[in-house]
Amino acid sequence: MDTVDPITLRLAIFVMAIFVGYYVVWSVTPALHTPLMAVTNAISSVIIVGALLAAAAPALTGETSGADGFANVSGAIAVILASVNIFGGFLVTQRMLAMYKKKEKPAASETKS
Protein backbone atom coordinates (compact mmCIF):
# COMPACT_ATOMS: atom_id res chain seq x y z
CA MET A 1 0.00 0.00 0.00
CA ASP A 2 1.37 3.37 -1.01
CA THR A 3 1.46 6.20 1.47
CA VAL A 4 0.42 9.74 0.65
CA ASP A 5 3.11 12.38 0.59
CA PRO A 6 2.61 14.71 3.60
CA ILE A 7 3.03 17.79 1.40
CA THR A 8 0.27 16.60 -0.94
CA LEU A 9 -2.00 15.88 2.01
CA ARG A 10 -1.42 19.31 3.55
CA LEU A 11 -1.92 21.02 0.18
CA ALA A 12 -5.24 19.18 -0.30
CA ILE A 13 -6.41 20.23 3.17
CA PHE A 14 -5.39 23.82 2.45
CA VAL A 15 -7.32 23.88 -0.85
CA MET A 16 -10.42 22.40 0.81
CA ALA A 17 -10.15 24.99 3.60
CA ILE A 18 -10.11 27.76 0.99
CA PHE A 19 -13.32 26.48 -0.61
CA VAL A 20 -15.09 25.95 2.71
CA GLY A 21 -13.99 29.37 3.97
CA TYR A 22 -15.19 31.06 0.77
CA TYR A 23 -18.65 29.52 0.94
CA VAL A 24 -19.00 30.11 4.68
CA VAL A 25 -18.05 33.80 4.48
CA TRP A 26 -20.18 34.62 1.44
CA SER A 27 -23.27 32.94 2.88
CA VAL A 28 -23.27 35.02 6.07
CA THR A 29 -26.29 37.30 6.42
CA PRO A 30 -25.58 41.00 7.10
CA ALA A 31 -27.07 40.72 10.61
CA LEU A 32 -24.39 38.19 11.58
CA HIS A 33 -21.50 40.01 9.95
CA THR A 34 -20.50 42.10 12.98
CA PRO A 35 -20.37 39.18 15.46
CA LEU A 36 -18.43 37.16 12.88
CA MET A 37 -15.88 39.98 12.54
CA ALA A 38 -15.47 40.07 16.32
CA VAL A 39 -14.68 36.35 16.36
CA THR A 40 -12.26 36.81 13.45
CA ASN A 41 -10.44 39.52 15.39
CA ALA A 42 -10.12 37.18 18.37
CA ILE A 43 -8.69 34.42 16.17
CA SER A 44 -6.21 36.86 14.63
CA SER A 45 -5.02 37.89 18.07
CA VAL A 46 -4.22 34.24 18.81
CA ILE A 47 -2.37 34.06 15.47
CA ILE A 48 -0.25 37.04 16.52
CA VAL A 49 0.75 35.27 19.74
CA GLY A 50 1.73 32.16 17.76
CA ALA A 51 3.63 34.24 15.21
CA LEU A 52 5.58 36.00 17.94
CA LEU A 53 6.47 32.63 19.45
CA ALA A 54 7.55 31.34 16.03
CA ALA A 55 9.72 34.38 15.43
CA ALA A 56 11.30 34.16 18.88
CA ALA A 57 11.66 30.35 19.00
CA PRO A 58 15.30 30.23 17.83
CA ALA A 59 16.32 32.84 20.38
CA LEU A 60 14.42 31.07 23.17
CA THR A 61 15.87 27.64 22.45
CA GLY A 62 19.42 28.86 21.87
CA GLU A 63 19.65 27.02 18.55
CA THR A 64 21.65 28.57 15.74
CA SER A 65 20.82 26.89 12.48
CA GLY A 66 19.87 27.92 8.96
CA ALA A 67 16.18 27.72 9.82
CA ASP A 68 16.45 30.64 12.25
CA GLY A 69 16.11 33.20 9.48
CA PHE A 70 13.08 31.45 8.01
CA ALA A 71 11.34 31.29 11.40
CA ASN A 72 12.04 34.97 12.06
CA VAL A 73 10.86 36.10 8.62
CA SER A 74 7.75 33.91 8.56
CA GLY A 75 6.86 34.98 12.11
CA ALA A 76 7.26 38.66 11.21
CA ILE A 77 5.12 38.25 8.08
CA ALA A 78 2.44 36.46 10.11
CA VAL A 79 2.43 39.28 12.68
CA ILE A 80 2.04 41.90 9.94
CA LEU A 81 -0.77 40.06 8.13
CA ALA A 82 -2.68 39.30 11.34
CA SER A 83 -2.31 42.94 12.45
CA VAL A 84 -3.76 44.15 9.15
CA ASN A 85 -6.62 41.67 9.57
CA ILE A 86 -7.38 42.87 13.09
CA PHE A 87 -7.22 46.56 12.15
CA GLY A 88 -9.41 46.02 9.09
CA GLY A 89 -11.85 43.94 11.13
CA PHE A 90 -12.26 46.72 13.67
CA LEU A 91 -12.84 49.27 10.90
CA VAL A 92 -15.48 47.10 9.23
CA THR A 93 -17.15 46.36 12.56
CA GLN A 94 -17.26 50.07 13.40
CA ARG A 95 -18.85 50.87 10.03
CA MET A 96 -21.39 48.07 10.40
CA LEU A 97 -22.40 49.26 13.88
CA ALA A 98 -22.70 52.84 12.60
CA MET A 99 -25.31 51.63 10.11
CA TYR A 100 -27.61 50.62 12.98
CA LYS A 101 -27.40 53.90 14.90
CA LYS A 102 -30.45 56.11 14.76
CA LYS A 103 -29.95 59.38 12.97
CA GLU A 104 -30.49 62.49 15.03
CA LYS A 105 -33.60 64.47 14.15
CA PRO A 106 -33.17 68.22 13.80
CA ALA A 107 -34.58 70.32 16.64
CA ALA A 108 -38.07 71.80 16.14
CA SER A 109 -36.71 75.38 16.14
CA GLU A 110 -34.32 74.59 13.29
CA THR A 111 -37.04 73.22 10.98
CA LYS A 112 -39.40 76.26 11.23
CA SER A 113 -37.13 78.75 9.45
C-alpha atoms as a PDB file:
ATOM      1  CA  MET A   1       0.000   0.000   0.000  1.00  0.00           C
ATOM      2  CA  ASP A   2       1.375   3.370  -1.006  1.00  0.00           C
ATOM      3  CA  THR A   3       1.462   6.203   1.467  1.00  0.00           C
ATOM      4  CA  VAL A   4       0.416   9.741   0.654  1.00  0.00           C
ATOM      5  CA  ASP A   5       3.109  12.375   0.585  1.00  0.00           C
ATOM      6  CA  PRO A   6       2.611  14.711   3.599  1.00  0.00           C
ATOM      7  CA  ILE A   7       3.031  17.793   1.399  1.00  0.00           C
ATOM      8  CA  THR A   8       0.266  16.600  -0.936  1.00  0.00           C
ATOM      9  CA  LEU A   9      -2.004  15.882   2.013  1.00  0.00           C
ATOM     10  CA  ARG A  10      -1.417  19.313   3.546  1.00  0.00           C
ATOM     11  CA  LEU A  11      -1.923  21.022   0.181  1.00  0.00           C
ATOM     12  CA  ALA A  12      -5.237  19.178  -0.304  1.00  0.00           C
ATOM     13  CA  ILE A  13      -6.411  20.225   3.167  1.00  0.00           C
ATOM     14  CA  PHE A  14      -5.388  23.824   2.448  1.00  0.00           C
ATOM     15  CA  VAL A  15      -7.324  23.884  -0.852  1.00  0.00           C
ATOM     16  CA  MET A  16     -10.418  22.399   0.814  1.00  0.00           C
ATOM     17  CA  ALA A  17     -10.153  24.987   3.604  1.00  0.00           C
ATOM     18  CA  ILE A  18     -10.113  27.757   0.987  1.00  0.00           C
ATOM     19  CA  PHE A  19     -13.320  26.478  -0.609  1.00  0.00           C
ATOM     20  CA  VAL A  20     -15.088  25.946   2.714  1.00  0.00           C
ATOM     21  CA  GLY A  21     -13.990  29.370   3.973  1.00  0.00           C
ATOM     22  CA  TYR A  22     -15.190  31.059   0.772  1.00  0.00           C
ATOM     23  CA  TYR A  23     -18.650  29.516   0.941  1.00  0.00           C
ATOM     24  CA  VAL A  24     -19.004  30.114   4.678  1.00  0.00           C
ATOM     25  CA  VAL A  25     -18.045  33.799   4.477  1.00  0.00           C
ATOM     26  CA  TRP A  26     -20.178  34.623   1.443  1.00  0.00           C
ATOM     27  CA  SER A  27     -23.272  32.939   2.884  1.00  0.00           C
ATOM     28  CA  VAL A  28     -23.269  35.023   6.071  1.00  0.00           C
ATOM     29  CA  THR A  29     -26.286  37.304   6.421  1.00  0.00           C
ATOM     30  CA  PRO A  30     -25.581  41.000   7.105  1.00  0.00           C
ATOM     31  CA  ALA A  31     -27.072  40.715  10.611  1.00  0.00           C
ATOM     32  CA  LEU A  32     -24.391  38.186  11.583  1.00  0.00           C
ATOM     33  CA  HIS A  33     -21.499  40.009   9.948  1.00  0.00           C
ATOM     34  CA  THR A  34     -20.502  42.102  12.985  1.00  0.00           C
ATOM     35  CA  PRO A  35     -20.370  39.178  15.456  1.00  0.00           C
ATOM     36  CA  LEU A  36     -18.429  37.165  12.883  1.00  0.00           C
ATOM     37  CA  MET A  37     -15.877  39.983  12.544  1.00  0.00           C
ATOM     38  CA  ALA A  38     -15.470  40.065  16.322  1.00  0.00           C
ATOM     39  CA  VAL A  39     -14.678  36.348  16.358  1.00  0.00           C
ATOM     40  CA  THR A  40     -12.264  36.810  13.448  1.00  0.00           C
ATOM     41  CA  ASN A  41     -10.439  39.520  15.389  1.00  0.00           C
ATOM     42  CA  ALA A  42     -10.122  37.175  18.369  1.00  0.00           C
ATOM     43  CA  ILE A  43      -8.689  34.417  16.169  1.00  0.00           C
ATOM     44  CA  SER A  44      -6.212  36.863  14.629  1.00  0.00           C
ATOM     45  CA  SER A  45      -5.018  37.886  18.066  1.00  0.00           C
ATOM     46  CA  VAL A  46      -4.223  34.237  18.806  1.00  0.00           C
ATOM     47  CA  ILE A  47      -2.372  34.064  15.473  1.00  0.00           C
ATOM     48  CA  ILE A  48      -0.248  37.040  16.515  1.00  0.00           C
ATOM     49  CA  VAL A  49       0.749  35.268  19.743  1.00  0.00           C
ATOM     50  CA  GLY A  50       1.726  32.163  17.763  1.00  0.00           C
ATOM     51  CA  ALA A  51       3.632  34.241  15.209  1.00  0.00           C
ATOM     52  CA  LEU A  52       5.578  36.004  17.942  1.00  0.00           C
ATOM     53  CA  LEU A  53       6.469  32.632  19.450  1.00  0.00           C
ATOM     54  CA  ALA A  54       7.550  31.335  16.029  1.00  0.00           C
ATOM     55  CA  ALA A  55       9.721  34.384  15.430  1.00  0.00           C
ATOM     56  CA  ALA A  56      11.296  34.158  18.882  1.00  0.00           C
ATOM     57  CA  ALA A  57      11.664  30.351  19.004  1.00  0.00           C
ATOM     58  CA  PRO A  58      15.305  30.232  17.828  1.00  0.00           C
ATOM     59  CA  ALA A  59      16.316  32.837  20.383  1.00  0.00           C
ATOM     60  CA  LEU A  60      14.418  31.073  23.168  1.00  0.00           C
ATOM     61  CA  THR A  61      15.872  27.644  22.452  1.00  0.00           C
ATOM     62  CA  GLY A  62      19.416  28.864  21.871  1.00  0.00           C
ATOM     63  CA  GLU A  63      19.646  27.022  18.549  1.00  0.00           C
ATOM     64  CA  THR A  64      21.655  28.566  15.745  1.00  0.00           C
ATOM     65  CA  SER A  65      20.821  26.886  12.477  1.00  0.00           C
ATOM     66  CA  GLY A  66      19.870  27.919   8.962  1.00  0.00           C
ATOM     67  CA  ALA A  67      16.175  27.717   9.823  1.00  0.00           C
ATOM     68  CA  ASP A  68      16.451  30.636  12.250  1.00  0.00           C
ATOM     69  CA  GLY A  69      16.111  33.204   9.482  1.00  0.00           C
ATOM     70  CA  PHE A  70      13.084  31.454   8.014  1.00  0.00           C
ATOM     71  CA  ALA A  71      11.342  31.290  11.399  1.00  0.00           C
ATOM     72  CA  ASN A  72      12.035  34.967  12.057  1.00  0.00           C
ATOM     73  CA  VAL A  73      10.857  36.105   8.622  1.00  0.00           C
ATOM     74  CA  SER A  74       7.747  33.907   8.562  1.00  0.00           C
ATOM     75  CA  GLY A  75       6.857  34.982  12.109  1.00  0.00           C
ATOM     76  CA  ALA A  76       7.262  38.659  11.206  1.00  0.00           C
ATOM     77  CA  ILE A  77       5.118  38.249   8.080  1.00  0.00           C
ATOM     78  CA  ALA A  78       2.439  36.460  10.114  1.00  0.00           C
ATOM     79  CA  VAL A  79       2.431  39.277  12.680  1.00  0.00           C
ATOM     80  CA  ILE A  80       2.039  41.902   9.935  1.00  0.00           C
ATOM     81  CA  LEU A  81      -0.772  40.056   8.134  1.00  0.00           C
ATOM     82  CA  ALA A  82      -2.684  39.302  11.337  1.00  0.00           C
ATOM     83  CA  SER A  83      -2.306  42.937  12.448  1.00  0.00           C
ATOM     84  CA  VAL A  84      -3.761  44.149   9.148  1.00  0.00           C
ATOM     85  CA  ASN A  85      -6.619  41.671   9.567  1.00  0.00           C
ATOM     86  CA  ILE A  86      -7.380  42.871  13.093  1.00  0.00           C
ATOM     87  CA  PHE A  87      -7.218  46.560  12.150  1.00  0.00           C
ATOM     88  CA  GLY A  88      -9.413  46.020   9.090  1.00  0.00           C
ATOM     89  CA  GLY A  89     -11.845  43.943  11.131  1.00  0.00           C
ATOM     90  CA  PHE A  90     -12.260  46.717  13.666  1.00  0.00           C
ATOM     91  CA  LEU A  91     -12.843  49.271  10.901  1.00  0.00           C
ATOM     92  CA  VAL A  92     -15.476  47.098   9.229  1.00  0.00           C
ATOM     93  CA  THR A  93     -17.146  46.363  12.564  1.00  0.00           C
ATOM     94  CA  GLN A  94     -17.260  50.075  13.395  1.00  0.00           C
ATOM     95  CA  ARG A  95     -18.853  50.874  10.030  1.00  0.00           C
ATOM     96  CA  MET A  96     -21.391  48.070  10.397  1.00  0.00           C
ATOM     97  CA  LEU A  97     -22.395  49.257  13.876  1.00  0.00           C
ATOM     98  CA  ALA A  98     -22.697  52.838  12.599  1.00  0.00           C
ATOM     99  CA  MET A  99     -25.307  51.634  10.112  1.00  0.00           C
ATOM    100  CA  TYR A 100     -27.605  50.618  12.979  1.00  0.00           C
ATOM    101  CA  LYS A 101     -27.395  53.902  14.895  1.00  0.00           C
ATOM    102  CA  LYS A 102     -30.453  56.106  14.758  1.00  0.00           C
ATOM    103  CA  LYS A 103     -29.945  59.377  12.967  1.00  0.00           C
ATOM    104  CA  GLU A 104     -30.491  62.487  15.030  1.00  0.00           C
ATOM    105  CA  LYS A 105     -33.600  64.471  14.149  1.00  0.00           C
ATOM    106  CA  PRO A 106     -33.172  68.218  13.803  1.00  0.00           C
ATOM    107  CA  ALA A 107     -34.584  70.317  16.640  1.00  0.00           C
ATOM    108  CA  ALA A 108     -38.066  71.796  16.142  1.00  0.00           C
ATOM    109  CA  SER A 109     -36.714  75.380  16.144  1.00  0.00           C
ATOM    110  CA  GLU A 110     -34.320  74.591  13.287  1.00  0.00           C
ATOM    111  CA  THR A 111     -37.045  73.222  10.980  1.00  0.00           C
ATOM    112  CA  LYS A 112     -39.396  76.264  11.226  1.00  0.00           C
ATOM    113  CA  SER A 113     -37.128  78.750   9.454  1.00  0.00           C
END
